[in-house]
């Protein structure tokens, strides 16, 4: 369990996995504030953005909160607060999502979120269930992502423009990005809140991370 007095702002914008992420963070000792208040985000030590559903709906939900994206940008991109995006919360880091048209993302990590289109028709979409997470060697620079087995549930995947931003991969008929990382920004495609000991270890390391 992490030993940290940091305040973690868990952004509430209607994402379906909010409460399970909240419980998982509390289980590893986080001081969590569930919030839709941009001023709370500006004052937080760490920020977590959950997300379940379509890229478009999540992007619109986040932008529907006045000044929230501006507060996140100020605290993370300018202030350097450690940030974790989970599932669609990770995908929103991209420049755009190609689900139900083209929807702009936050643009914090260059890339697009595209439909998983396996060449083998036996490979089912969505990518659902337990799968290996293979951390790339440079992921150790971020000190959060480690190899293991995690729970995934997604039909769209992050196609990163810069290989150096990819922290981990998984395999579902082809290589899919399991985690991205750049400076103080981290995103995981898998659900740490559903990944038992491995997922809790990810969250614990995030709480201790000093980028």
N, C-alpha and C. Protein backbone atom coordinates (compact mmCIF):
# COMPACT_ATOMS: atom_id res chain seq x y z
N UNK A 1 0.85 -1.19 0.00
CA UNK A 1 0.00 0.00 0.00
C UNK A 1 0.88 1.24 0.00
N UNK A 2 0.48 2.23 -0.79
CA UNK A 2 1.25 3.46 -0.86
C UNK A 2 1.11 4.26 0.42
N UNK A 3 2.15 4.97 0.76
CA UNK A 3 2.14 5.86 1.90
C UNK A 3 2.26 7.28 1.36
N UNK A 4 1.14 7.93 1.15
CA UNK A 4 1.17 9.26 0.56
C UNK A 4 0.08 10.12 1.15
N UNK A 5 0.39 11.37 1.36
CA UNK A 5 -0.60 12.32 1.84
C UNK A 5 -1.14 13.16 0.69
N UNK A 6 -0.72 12.86 -0.53
CA UNK A 6 -1.16 13.62 -1.69
C UNK A 6 -2.68 13.52 -1.87
N UNK A 7 -3.25 14.60 -2.32
CA UNK A 7 -4.66 14.61 -2.68
C UNK A 7 -4.81 14.19 -4.13
N UNK A 8 -5.66 13.21 -4.38
CA UNK A 8 -5.92 12.72 -5.73
C UNK A 8 -7.30 13.20 -6.15
N UNK A 9 -7.37 14.00 -7.21
CA UNK A 9 -8.65 14.42 -7.77
C UNK A 9 -9.09 13.39 -8.80
N UNK A 10 -10.20 12.73 -8.51
CA UNK A 10 -10.80 11.77 -9.44
C UNK A 10 -11.95 12.48 -10.13
N UNK A 11 -11.78 12.72 -11.42
CA UNK A 11 -12.70 13.60 -12.12
C UNK A 11 -14.02 12.89 -12.43
N UNK A 12 -15.10 13.51 -11.98
CA UNK A 12 -16.45 12.98 -12.17
C UNK A 12 -17.10 13.72 -13.34
N UNK A 13 -17.19 13.03 -14.47
CA UNK A 13 -17.85 13.63 -15.63
C UNK A 13 -18.84 12.65 -16.25
N UNK A 14 -19.35 11.74 -15.42
CA UNK A 14 -20.34 10.77 -15.88
C UNK A 14 -19.76 9.48 -16.39
N UNK A 15 -18.46 9.24 -16.16
CA UNK A 15 -17.82 7.99 -16.61
C UNK A 15 -18.32 6.82 -15.79
N UNK A 16 -18.54 5.70 -16.46
CA UNK A 16 -19.18 4.55 -15.82
C UNK A 16 -18.37 3.86 -14.76
N UNK A 17 -17.03 4.00 -14.79
CA UNK A 17 -16.21 3.25 -13.83
C UNK A 17 -15.73 4.11 -12.67
N UNK A 18 -16.39 5.23 -12.44
CA UNK A 18 -15.95 6.18 -11.41
C UNK A 18 -15.86 5.54 -10.02
N UNK A 19 -16.93 4.86 -9.62
CA UNK A 19 -16.98 4.36 -8.25
C UNK A 19 -16.02 3.20 -8.02
N UNK A 20 -15.85 2.35 -9.02
CA UNK A 20 -14.91 1.24 -8.85
C UNK A 20 -13.47 1.75 -8.82
N UNK A 21 -13.16 2.78 -9.60
CA UNK A 21 -11.83 3.39 -9.54
C UNK A 21 -11.62 4.06 -8.19
N UNK A 22 -12.64 4.74 -7.70
CA UNK A 22 -12.57 5.37 -6.38
C UNK A 22 -12.24 4.34 -5.31
N UNK A 23 -12.96 3.23 -5.32
CA UNK A 23 -12.74 2.18 -4.32
C UNK A 23 -11.34 1.58 -4.43
N UNK A 24 -10.86 1.39 -5.65
CA UNK A 24 -9.52 0.82 -5.85
C UNK A 24 -8.45 1.78 -5.34
N UNK A 25 -8.60 3.07 -5.61
CA UNK A 25 -7.64 4.05 -5.12
C UNK A 25 -7.64 4.10 -3.59
N UNK A 26 -8.81 4.06 -3.01
CA UNK A 26 -8.88 4.04 -1.54
C UNK A 26 -8.22 2.80 -0.97
N UNK A 27 -8.35 1.67 -1.69
CA UNK A 27 -7.79 0.41 -1.21
C UNK A 27 -6.27 0.45 -1.14
N UNK A 28 -5.64 1.32 -1.94
CA UNK A 28 -4.17 1.42 -1.90
C UNK A 28 -3.71 2.66 -1.13
N UNK A 29 -4.63 3.25 -0.37
CA UNK A 29 -4.24 4.31 0.56
C UNK A 29 -4.33 5.71 0.04
N UNK A 30 -4.99 5.92 -1.10
CA UNK A 30 -5.08 7.27 -1.66
C UNK A 30 -6.07 8.12 -0.89
N UNK A 31 -5.76 9.41 -0.79
CA UNK A 31 -6.70 10.41 -0.28
C UNK A 31 -7.41 10.97 -1.51
N UNK A 32 -8.61 10.44 -1.79
CA UNK A 32 -9.31 10.73 -3.04
C UNK A 32 -10.43 11.73 -2.83
N UNK A 33 -10.51 12.70 -3.73
CA UNK A 33 -11.65 13.60 -3.79
C UNK A 33 -12.31 13.40 -5.15
N UNK A 34 -13.54 12.89 -5.15
CA UNK A 34 -14.31 12.76 -6.39
C UNK A 34 -14.90 14.13 -6.70
N UNK A 35 -14.61 14.66 -7.86
CA UNK A 35 -14.95 16.07 -8.09
C UNK A 35 -15.31 16.38 -9.54
N UNK A 36 -16.20 17.34 -9.69
CA UNK A 36 -16.47 17.97 -10.98
C UNK A 36 -16.16 19.46 -10.88
N UNK A 37 -15.37 19.84 -9.89
CA UNK A 37 -15.03 21.24 -9.63
C UNK A 37 -13.63 21.55 -10.16
N UNK A 38 -13.51 22.40 -11.16
CA UNK A 38 -12.19 22.73 -11.71
C UNK A 38 -11.23 23.29 -10.66
N UNK A 39 -11.75 24.00 -9.66
CA UNK A 39 -10.87 24.56 -8.64
C UNK A 39 -10.24 23.48 -7.77
N UNK A 40 -10.97 22.40 -7.54
CA UNK A 40 -10.41 21.26 -6.80
C UNK A 40 -9.31 20.61 -7.62
N UNK A 41 -9.53 20.49 -8.91
CA UNK A 41 -8.52 19.92 -9.80
C UNK A 41 -7.26 20.78 -9.80
N UNK A 42 -7.42 22.08 -9.83
CA UNK A 42 -6.27 22.99 -9.82
C UNK A 42 -5.43 22.84 -8.55
N UNK A 43 -6.06 22.43 -7.45
CA UNK A 43 -5.36 22.34 -6.17
C UNK A 43 -4.85 20.93 -5.87
N UNK A 44 -5.21 19.95 -6.70
CA UNK A 44 -4.88 18.56 -6.40
C UNK A 44 -3.41 18.27 -6.65
N UNK A 45 -2.88 17.28 -5.92
CA UNK A 45 -1.50 16.85 -6.13
C UNK A 45 -1.40 15.89 -7.31
N UNK A 46 -2.42 15.06 -7.50
CA UNK A 46 -2.46 14.08 -8.58
C UNK A 46 -3.86 14.06 -9.15
N UNK A 47 -3.96 13.67 -10.42
CA UNK A 47 -5.25 13.69 -11.10
C UNK A 47 -5.47 12.36 -11.81
N UNK A 48 -6.68 11.80 -11.66
CA UNK A 48 -7.05 10.56 -12.34
C UNK A 48 -8.31 10.82 -13.15
N UNK A 49 -8.27 10.42 -14.42
CA UNK A 49 -9.41 10.55 -15.32
C UNK A 49 -9.88 9.16 -15.72
N UNK A 50 -11.03 8.71 -15.20
CA UNK A 50 -11.55 7.40 -15.59
C UNK A 50 -12.27 7.51 -16.93
N UNK A 51 -12.92 6.44 -17.35
CA UNK A 51 -13.67 6.50 -18.60
C UNK A 51 -14.14 5.16 -19.09
N UNK A 52 -15.43 5.07 -19.39
CA UNK A 52 -16.02 3.88 -20.00
C UNK A 52 -17.04 4.36 -21.01
N UNK A 53 -17.11 3.67 -22.17
CA UNK A 53 -18.09 4.05 -23.18
C UNK A 53 -17.40 4.53 -24.44
N UNK A 54 -18.08 5.39 -25.19
CA UNK A 54 -17.50 5.85 -26.45
C UNK A 54 -16.60 7.06 -26.22
N UNK A 55 -15.62 7.19 -27.08
CA UNK A 55 -14.72 8.35 -27.05
C UNK A 55 -15.53 9.63 -27.17
N UNK A 56 -16.45 9.66 -28.11
CA UNK A 56 -17.25 10.87 -28.36
C UNK A 56 -18.04 11.28 -27.12
N UNK A 57 -18.74 10.32 -26.51
CA UNK A 57 -19.56 10.65 -25.34
C UNK A 57 -18.70 11.13 -24.18
N UNK A 58 -17.55 10.48 -23.98
CA UNK A 58 -16.68 10.87 -22.87
C UNK A 58 -16.06 12.25 -23.13
N UNK A 59 -15.61 12.50 -24.36
CA UNK A 59 -15.04 13.81 -24.67
C UNK A 59 -16.08 14.91 -24.48
N UNK A 60 -17.29 14.66 -24.93
CA UNK A 60 -18.34 15.66 -24.78
C UNK A 60 -18.72 15.86 -23.32
N UNK A 61 -18.73 14.77 -22.55
CA UNK A 61 -19.04 14.88 -21.13
C UNK A 61 -18.00 15.69 -20.38
N UNK A 62 -16.74 15.47 -20.71
CA UNK A 62 -15.66 16.20 -20.05
C UNK A 62 -15.73 17.68 -20.41
N UNK A 63 -15.95 17.97 -21.68
CA UNK A 63 -15.99 19.38 -22.12
C UNK A 63 -17.26 20.09 -21.68
N UNK A 64 -18.28 19.32 -21.27
CA UNK A 64 -19.52 19.94 -20.81
C UNK A 64 -19.37 20.58 -19.43
N UNK A 65 -18.31 20.23 -18.71
CA UNK A 65 -18.06 20.84 -17.40
C UNK A 65 -17.27 22.14 -17.62
N UNK A 66 -17.84 23.28 -17.32
CA UNK A 66 -17.16 24.54 -17.61
C UNK A 66 -15.77 24.61 -16.96
N UNK A 67 -14.79 24.95 -17.77
CA UNK A 67 -13.40 25.19 -17.33
C UNK A 67 -12.66 23.94 -16.86
N UNK A 68 -13.24 22.75 -17.01
CA UNK A 68 -12.56 21.55 -16.51
C UNK A 68 -11.31 21.23 -17.33
N UNK A 69 -11.43 21.24 -18.65
CA UNK A 69 -10.26 20.94 -19.49
C UNK A 69 -9.17 21.98 -19.25
N UNK A 70 -9.56 23.22 -19.10
CA UNK A 70 -8.58 24.28 -18.82
C UNK A 70 -7.89 24.04 -17.49
N UNK A 71 -8.65 23.62 -16.47
CA UNK A 71 -8.07 23.35 -15.16
C UNK A 71 -7.12 22.16 -15.21
N UNK A 72 -7.52 21.11 -15.92
CA UNK A 72 -6.65 19.95 -16.08
C UNK A 72 -5.35 20.34 -16.78
N UNK A 73 -5.48 21.12 -17.85
CA UNK A 73 -4.30 21.53 -18.61
C UNK A 73 -3.37 22.37 -17.74
N UNK A 74 -3.95 23.27 -16.99
CA UNK A 74 -3.15 24.14 -16.12
C UNK A 74 -2.41 23.33 -15.06
N UNK A 75 -3.09 22.37 -14.46
CA UNK A 75 -2.48 21.62 -13.35
C UNK A 75 -1.50 20.58 -13.86
N UNK A 76 -1.81 19.94 -14.98
CA UNK A 76 -0.98 18.84 -15.48
C UNK A 76 0.11 19.33 -16.42
N UNK A 77 -0.28 20.03 -17.48
CA UNK A 77 0.69 20.43 -18.50
C UNK A 77 1.59 21.57 -18.02
N UNK A 78 1.04 22.47 -17.23
CA UNK A 78 1.81 23.61 -16.74
C UNK A 78 2.38 23.32 -15.35
N UNK A 79 1.52 22.83 -14.45
CA UNK A 79 1.93 22.62 -13.06
C UNK A 79 2.69 21.34 -12.80
N UNK A 80 2.64 20.39 -13.74
CA UNK A 80 3.42 19.17 -13.61
C UNK A 80 2.85 18.11 -12.69
N UNK A 81 1.56 18.19 -12.35
CA UNK A 81 0.97 17.17 -11.48
C UNK A 81 0.91 15.82 -12.19
N UNK A 82 1.25 14.73 -11.52
CA UNK A 82 1.12 13.40 -12.14
C UNK A 82 -0.34 13.13 -12.52
N UNK A 83 -0.51 12.58 -13.72
CA UNK A 83 -1.84 12.33 -14.28
C UNK A 83 -1.94 10.89 -14.71
N UNK A 84 -3.10 10.27 -14.44
CA UNK A 84 -3.38 8.91 -14.89
C UNK A 84 -4.74 8.87 -15.58
N UNK A 85 -4.76 8.45 -16.85
CA UNK A 85 -6.00 8.20 -17.57
C UNK A 85 -6.25 6.70 -17.66
N UNK A 86 -7.48 6.29 -17.43
CA UNK A 86 -7.84 4.87 -17.40
C UNK A 86 -8.86 4.57 -18.49
N UNK A 87 -8.58 3.58 -19.34
CA UNK A 87 -9.44 3.13 -20.43
C UNK A 87 -9.76 4.31 -21.35
N UNK A 88 -11.01 4.76 -21.44
CA UNK A 88 -11.30 5.90 -22.31
C UNK A 88 -10.62 7.16 -21.77
N UNK A 89 -10.38 7.22 -20.47
CA UNK A 89 -9.60 8.33 -19.91
C UNK A 89 -8.20 8.39 -20.48
N UNK A 90 -7.63 7.23 -20.80
CA UNK A 90 -6.36 7.19 -21.51
C UNK A 90 -6.54 7.61 -22.97
N UNK A 91 -7.57 7.10 -23.62
CA UNK A 91 -7.78 7.40 -25.04
C UNK A 91 -7.99 8.88 -25.28
N UNK A 92 -8.58 9.58 -24.32
CA UNK A 92 -8.82 11.01 -24.47
C UNK A 92 -7.53 11.81 -24.54
N UNK A 93 -6.41 11.21 -24.17
CA UNK A 93 -5.12 11.89 -24.30
C UNK A 93 -4.74 12.12 -25.76
N UNK A 94 -5.32 11.35 -26.66
CA UNK A 94 -4.96 11.40 -28.08
C UNK A 94 -5.43 12.70 -28.74
N UNK A 95 -4.94 12.91 -29.96
CA UNK A 95 -5.38 14.07 -30.73
C UNK A 95 -6.85 13.96 -31.13
N UNK A 96 -7.28 12.72 -31.45
CA UNK A 96 -8.64 12.53 -31.93
C UNK A 96 -9.07 11.08 -31.76
N UNK A 97 -10.37 10.89 -31.64
CA UNK A 97 -10.97 9.56 -31.65
C UNK A 97 -11.82 9.40 -32.89
N UNK A 98 -11.69 8.24 -33.56
CA UNK A 98 -12.41 8.01 -34.81
C UNK A 98 -13.61 7.10 -34.58
N UNK A 99 -14.38 7.39 -33.57
CA UNK A 99 -15.57 6.62 -33.22
C UNK A 99 -16.77 7.53 -33.36
N UNK A 100 -17.76 7.14 -34.19
CA UNK A 100 -18.92 8.00 -34.48
C UNK A 100 -18.45 9.34 -35.04
N UNK A 101 -17.59 9.27 -36.05
CA UNK A 101 -17.01 10.48 -36.62
C UNK A 101 -15.68 10.81 -35.97
N UNK A 102 -15.18 11.98 -36.24
CA UNK A 102 -13.90 12.42 -35.67
C UNK A 102 -14.18 13.38 -34.52
N UNK A 103 -13.69 13.01 -33.34
CA UNK A 103 -13.88 13.83 -32.14
C UNK A 103 -12.52 14.24 -31.61
N UNK A 104 -12.28 15.54 -31.40
CA UNK A 104 -11.00 15.96 -30.86
C UNK A 104 -10.78 15.43 -29.44
N UNK A 105 -9.54 15.00 -29.17
CA UNK A 105 -9.15 14.62 -27.82
C UNK A 105 -8.42 15.77 -27.16
N UNK A 106 -7.74 15.47 -26.07
CA UNK A 106 -6.98 16.50 -25.37
C UNK A 106 -5.71 16.89 -26.12
N UNK A 107 -5.18 15.96 -26.92
CA UNK A 107 -3.97 16.25 -27.67
C UNK A 107 -2.72 16.29 -26.82
N UNK A 108 -2.73 15.59 -25.70
CA UNK A 108 -1.57 15.58 -24.80
C UNK A 108 -0.52 14.56 -25.24
N UNK A 109 -0.96 13.49 -25.90
CA UNK A 109 -0.04 12.49 -26.46
C UNK A 109 -0.47 12.27 -27.91
N UNK A 110 0.44 12.49 -28.85
CA UNK A 110 0.09 12.46 -30.27
C UNK A 110 -0.38 11.08 -30.70
N UNK A 111 -1.50 11.05 -31.41
CA UNK A 111 -2.02 9.79 -31.93
C UNK A 111 -3.52 9.85 -32.13
N UNK A 112 -4.06 8.74 -32.61
CA UNK A 112 -5.49 8.61 -32.83
C UNK A 112 -6.01 7.34 -32.17
N UNK A 113 -7.30 7.35 -31.87
CA UNK A 113 -7.97 6.17 -31.32
C UNK A 113 -8.84 5.58 -32.42
N UNK A 114 -8.48 4.37 -32.85
CA UNK A 114 -9.13 3.73 -34.00
C UNK A 114 -9.75 2.40 -33.61
N UNK A 115 -10.69 1.94 -34.43
CA UNK A 115 -11.33 0.65 -34.24
C UNK A 115 -10.31 -0.48 -34.35
N UNK A 116 -10.40 -1.45 -33.47
CA UNK A 116 -9.59 -2.66 -33.59
C UNK A 116 -10.13 -3.47 -34.78
N UNK A 117 -9.27 -3.74 -35.75
CA UNK A 117 -9.68 -4.46 -36.96
C UNK A 117 -8.72 -5.61 -37.21
N UNK A 118 -8.89 -6.71 -36.47
CA UNK A 118 -7.96 -7.83 -36.62
C UNK A 118 -8.07 -8.48 -38.00
N UNK A 119 -6.95 -8.92 -38.51
CA UNK A 119 -6.93 -9.60 -39.81
C UNK A 119 -7.53 -11.00 -39.71
N UNK A 120 -7.42 -11.63 -38.57
CA UNK A 120 -7.95 -12.97 -38.35
C UNK A 120 -9.40 -12.86 -37.88
N UNK A 121 -10.36 -13.37 -38.65
CA UNK A 121 -11.77 -13.24 -38.26
C UNK A 121 -12.11 -13.99 -36.97
N UNK A 122 -11.23 -14.87 -36.55
CA UNK A 122 -11.46 -15.59 -35.29
C UNK A 122 -11.22 -14.69 -34.07
N UNK A 123 -10.52 -13.59 -34.28
CA UNK A 123 -10.24 -12.66 -33.18
C UNK A 123 -11.45 -11.76 -32.98
N UNK A 124 -12.04 -11.83 -31.82
CA UNK A 124 -13.28 -11.10 -31.56
C UNK A 124 -13.02 -9.68 -31.08
N UNK A 125 -13.92 -8.80 -31.44
CA UNK A 125 -13.94 -7.42 -30.95
C UNK A 125 -15.30 -7.21 -30.29
N UNK A 126 -15.32 -6.70 -29.06
CA UNK A 126 -14.24 -6.03 -28.34
C UNK A 126 -13.17 -6.99 -27.81
N UNK A 127 -12.03 -6.42 -27.53
CA UNK A 127 -10.97 -7.10 -26.79
C UNK A 127 -11.41 -7.12 -25.33
N UNK A 128 -11.81 -8.30 -24.87
CA UNK A 128 -12.42 -8.39 -23.55
C UNK A 128 -11.80 -9.54 -22.75
N UNK A 129 -11.43 -9.25 -21.53
CA UNK A 129 -10.93 -10.28 -20.63
C UNK A 129 -9.48 -10.03 -20.23
N UNK A 130 -8.90 -11.06 -19.65
CA UNK A 130 -7.54 -10.96 -19.12
C UNK A 130 -6.52 -11.15 -20.23
N UNK A 131 -5.48 -10.33 -20.21
CA UNK A 131 -4.43 -10.44 -21.21
C UNK A 131 -3.13 -9.91 -20.62
N UNK A 132 -2.02 -10.35 -21.22
CA UNK A 132 -0.70 -9.94 -20.73
C UNK A 132 -0.42 -8.48 -21.08
N UNK A 133 0.24 -7.81 -20.15
CA UNK A 133 0.77 -6.46 -20.38
C UNK A 133 2.29 -6.60 -20.42
N UNK A 134 2.88 -6.24 -21.56
CA UNK A 134 4.33 -6.32 -21.73
C UNK A 134 4.90 -4.91 -21.69
N UNK A 135 5.55 -4.58 -20.58
CA UNK A 135 6.15 -3.25 -20.45
C UNK A 135 7.36 -3.14 -21.37
N UNK A 136 7.48 -2.03 -22.06
CA UNK A 136 8.64 -1.80 -22.91
C UNK A 136 9.82 -1.31 -22.06
N UNK A 137 11.04 -1.57 -22.53
CA UNK A 137 12.21 -1.24 -21.70
C UNK A 137 12.23 0.20 -21.20
N UNK A 138 11.86 1.15 -22.08
CA UNK A 138 11.90 2.55 -21.64
C UNK A 138 10.80 2.90 -20.66
N UNK A 139 9.80 1.99 -20.48
CA UNK A 139 8.73 2.26 -19.51
C UNK A 139 9.27 2.35 -18.10
N UNK A 140 10.41 1.72 -17.85
CA UNK A 140 11.01 1.78 -16.52
C UNK A 140 11.36 3.22 -16.15
N UNK A 141 11.53 4.06 -17.16
CA UNK A 141 11.79 5.47 -16.88
C UNK A 141 10.64 6.11 -16.12
N UNK A 142 9.43 5.56 -16.34
CA UNK A 142 8.25 6.13 -15.70
C UNK A 142 7.94 5.47 -14.36
N UNK A 143 8.52 4.32 -14.10
CA UNK A 143 8.49 3.71 -12.78
C UNK A 143 7.09 3.33 -12.30
N UNK A 144 6.13 3.21 -13.23
CA UNK A 144 4.76 2.86 -12.83
C UNK A 144 4.31 1.58 -13.53
N UNK A 145 4.57 1.48 -14.84
CA UNK A 145 4.09 0.34 -15.63
C UNK A 145 5.07 -0.82 -15.49
N UNK A 146 4.52 -1.97 -15.14
CA UNK A 146 5.31 -3.21 -15.05
C UNK A 146 4.57 -4.29 -15.82
N UNK A 147 5.27 -5.36 -16.14
CA UNK A 147 4.62 -6.47 -16.83
C UNK A 147 3.68 -7.23 -15.90
N UNK A 148 2.68 -7.85 -16.49
CA UNK A 148 1.73 -8.63 -15.71
C UNK A 148 0.51 -8.98 -16.53
N UNK A 149 -0.57 -9.28 -15.85
CA UNK A 149 -1.81 -9.66 -16.52
C UNK A 149 -2.92 -8.76 -16.02
N UNK A 150 -3.67 -8.17 -16.96
CA UNK A 150 -4.67 -7.18 -16.61
C UNK A 150 -5.97 -7.44 -17.35
N UNK A 151 -7.02 -6.78 -16.90
CA UNK A 151 -8.34 -6.93 -17.50
C UNK A 151 -8.59 -5.80 -18.50
N UNK A 152 -8.96 -6.19 -19.72
CA UNK A 152 -9.23 -5.24 -20.79
C UNK A 152 -10.70 -5.33 -21.23
N UNK A 153 -11.24 -4.22 -21.68
CA UNK A 153 -12.56 -4.21 -22.32
C UNK A 153 -12.63 -2.97 -23.22
N UNK A 154 -12.34 -3.18 -24.52
CA UNK A 154 -12.36 -2.05 -25.45
C UNK A 154 -12.46 -2.54 -26.89
N UNK A 155 -13.09 -1.72 -27.72
CA UNK A 155 -13.19 -1.99 -29.15
C UNK A 155 -12.31 -1.06 -29.98
N UNK A 156 -11.85 0.01 -29.37
CA UNK A 156 -10.98 0.98 -30.03
C UNK A 156 -9.63 0.99 -29.32
N UNK A 157 -8.59 1.33 -30.06
CA UNK A 157 -7.25 1.28 -29.46
C UNK A 157 -6.47 2.53 -29.83
N UNK A 158 -5.52 2.86 -28.98
CA UNK A 158 -4.68 4.05 -29.14
C UNK A 158 -3.56 3.75 -30.12
N UNK A 159 -3.50 4.49 -31.22
CA UNK A 159 -2.42 4.38 -32.19
C UNK A 159 -1.51 5.58 -31.98
N UNK A 160 -0.42 5.37 -31.28
CA UNK A 160 0.47 6.48 -30.91
C UNK A 160 1.35 6.88 -32.08
N UNK A 161 1.53 8.16 -32.26
CA UNK A 161 2.38 8.66 -33.34
C UNK A 161 3.85 8.44 -33.04
N UNK A 162 4.23 8.58 -31.77
CA UNK A 162 5.63 8.47 -31.37
C UNK A 162 5.85 7.19 -30.57
N UNK A 163 6.66 6.26 -31.08
CA UNK A 163 6.91 5.01 -30.34
C UNK A 163 7.42 5.25 -28.92
N UNK A 164 8.12 6.35 -28.70
CA UNK A 164 8.65 6.62 -27.36
C UNK A 164 7.55 6.89 -26.34
N UNK A 165 6.33 7.18 -26.81
CA UNK A 165 5.20 7.42 -25.90
C UNK A 165 4.51 6.12 -25.48
N UNK A 166 4.86 5.00 -26.10
CA UNK A 166 4.24 3.72 -25.78
C UNK A 166 5.00 3.08 -24.62
N UNK A 167 4.30 2.86 -23.51
CA UNK A 167 4.93 2.29 -22.31
C UNK A 167 4.74 0.79 -22.22
N UNK A 168 3.67 0.26 -22.82
CA UNK A 168 3.41 -1.18 -22.74
C UNK A 168 2.51 -1.60 -23.89
N UNK A 169 2.63 -2.88 -24.25
CA UNK A 169 1.81 -3.45 -25.32
C UNK A 169 1.09 -4.69 -24.78
N UNK A 170 0.00 -5.02 -25.49
CA UNK A 170 -0.65 -6.30 -25.28
C UNK A 170 -0.91 -6.90 -26.66
N UNK A 171 -1.40 -8.12 -26.72
CA UNK A 171 -1.62 -8.78 -28.01
C UNK A 171 -3.05 -9.28 -28.09
N UNK A 172 -3.74 -8.88 -29.16
CA UNK A 172 -5.09 -9.39 -29.43
C UNK A 172 -5.21 -9.56 -30.94
N UNK A 173 -4.52 -10.59 -31.44
CA UNK A 173 -4.45 -10.80 -32.88
C UNK A 173 -3.40 -9.92 -33.54
N UNK A 174 -3.05 -8.85 -32.88
CA UNK A 174 -2.00 -7.92 -33.29
C UNK A 174 -1.57 -7.17 -32.03
N UNK A 175 -0.47 -6.47 -32.13
CA UNK A 175 -0.03 -5.68 -30.99
C UNK A 175 -0.92 -4.47 -30.78
N UNK A 176 -1.40 -4.30 -29.57
CA UNK A 176 -2.21 -3.14 -29.20
C UNK A 176 -1.53 -2.41 -28.05
N UNK A 177 -1.65 -1.11 -28.04
CA UNK A 177 -1.06 -0.31 -26.97
C UNK A 177 -1.83 -0.55 -25.67
N UNK A 178 -1.08 -0.94 -24.63
CA UNK A 178 -1.69 -1.17 -23.31
C UNK A 178 -1.48 0.01 -22.38
N UNK A 179 -0.43 0.81 -22.63
CA UNK A 179 -0.16 1.97 -21.79
C UNK A 179 0.66 2.99 -22.57
N UNK A 180 0.41 4.26 -22.29
CA UNK A 180 1.20 5.34 -22.87
C UNK A 180 1.75 6.18 -21.72
N UNK A 181 2.87 6.84 -21.97
CA UNK A 181 3.47 7.68 -20.94
C UNK A 181 4.35 8.74 -21.59
N UNK A 182 4.25 9.95 -21.07
CA UNK A 182 5.09 11.05 -21.55
C UNK A 182 5.21 12.06 -20.42
N UNK A 183 6.43 12.26 -19.95
CA UNK A 183 6.68 13.19 -18.85
C UNK A 183 5.84 12.80 -17.63
N UNK A 184 4.94 13.67 -17.18
CA UNK A 184 4.12 13.39 -16.00
C UNK A 184 2.74 12.86 -16.35
N UNK A 185 2.57 12.42 -17.60
CA UNK A 185 1.27 11.95 -18.08
C UNK A 185 1.34 10.46 -18.39
N UNK A 186 0.39 9.72 -17.82
CA UNK A 186 0.35 8.27 -17.96
C UNK A 186 -1.07 7.84 -18.31
N UNK A 187 -1.21 6.85 -19.18
CA UNK A 187 -2.52 6.31 -19.49
C UNK A 187 -2.45 4.80 -19.63
N UNK A 188 -3.45 4.10 -19.12
CA UNK A 188 -3.51 2.65 -19.25
C UNK A 188 -4.83 2.27 -19.92
N UNK A 189 -4.73 1.38 -20.93
CA UNK A 189 -5.93 0.91 -21.62
C UNK A 189 -6.69 -0.09 -20.77
N UNK A 190 -5.98 -0.84 -19.96
CA UNK A 190 -6.63 -1.84 -19.11
C UNK A 190 -7.30 -1.17 -17.91
N UNK A 191 -8.09 -1.96 -17.20
CA UNK A 191 -8.81 -1.47 -16.03
C UNK A 191 -8.08 -1.90 -14.76
N UNK A 192 -7.27 -1.03 -14.14
CA UNK A 192 -6.60 -1.45 -12.90
C UNK A 192 -7.59 -1.77 -11.79
N UNK A 193 -8.74 -1.12 -11.82
CA UNK A 193 -9.74 -1.36 -10.77
C UNK A 193 -10.38 -2.75 -10.89
N UNK A 194 -10.18 -3.43 -12.03
CA UNK A 194 -10.71 -4.78 -12.22
C UNK A 194 -9.61 -5.81 -12.36
N UNK A 195 -8.36 -5.37 -12.20
CA UNK A 195 -7.21 -6.25 -12.47
C UNK A 195 -6.56 -6.79 -11.20
N UNK A 196 -7.31 -6.83 -10.14
CA UNK A 196 -6.90 -7.47 -8.89
C UNK A 196 -5.53 -6.97 -8.44
N UNK A 197 -4.66 -7.87 -8.01
CA UNK A 197 -3.39 -7.45 -7.42
C UNK A 197 -2.54 -6.63 -8.39
N UNK A 198 -2.53 -7.02 -9.67
CA UNK A 198 -1.74 -6.29 -10.65
C UNK A 198 -2.24 -4.85 -10.79
N UNK A 199 -3.54 -4.69 -10.88
CA UNK A 199 -4.10 -3.36 -11.03
C UNK A 199 -3.88 -2.49 -9.81
N UNK A 200 -4.03 -3.06 -8.63
CA UNK A 200 -3.79 -2.29 -7.40
C UNK A 200 -2.32 -1.88 -7.31
N UNK A 201 -1.43 -2.75 -7.79
CA UNK A 201 0.00 -2.40 -7.80
C UNK A 201 0.27 -1.22 -8.74
N UNK A 202 -0.41 -1.19 -9.88
CA UNK A 202 -0.28 -0.05 -10.79
C UNK A 202 -0.69 1.23 -10.11
N UNK A 203 -1.85 1.21 -9.44
CA UNK A 203 -2.34 2.41 -8.77
C UNK A 203 -1.43 2.82 -7.62
N UNK A 204 -0.91 1.85 -6.90
CA UNK A 204 0.00 2.16 -5.79
C UNK A 204 1.27 2.83 -6.29
N UNK A 205 1.81 2.31 -7.39
CA UNK A 205 3.01 2.93 -7.95
C UNK A 205 2.72 4.33 -8.48
N UNK A 206 1.51 4.53 -9.02
CA UNK A 206 1.15 5.88 -9.48
C UNK A 206 1.15 6.86 -8.32
N UNK A 207 0.66 6.45 -7.17
CA UNK A 207 0.61 7.33 -6.00
C UNK A 207 2.01 7.71 -5.53
N UNK A 208 2.97 6.84 -5.77
CA UNK A 208 4.34 7.09 -5.32
C UNK A 208 5.21 7.73 -6.41
N UNK A 209 4.67 7.84 -7.61
CA UNK A 209 5.43 8.29 -8.77
C UNK A 209 5.83 9.74 -8.63
N UNK A 210 7.09 10.02 -8.90
CA UNK A 210 7.61 11.37 -8.86
C UNK A 210 8.27 11.70 -10.21
N UNK A 211 7.48 12.02 -11.21
CA UNK A 211 8.02 12.28 -12.56
C UNK A 211 8.85 13.58 -12.60
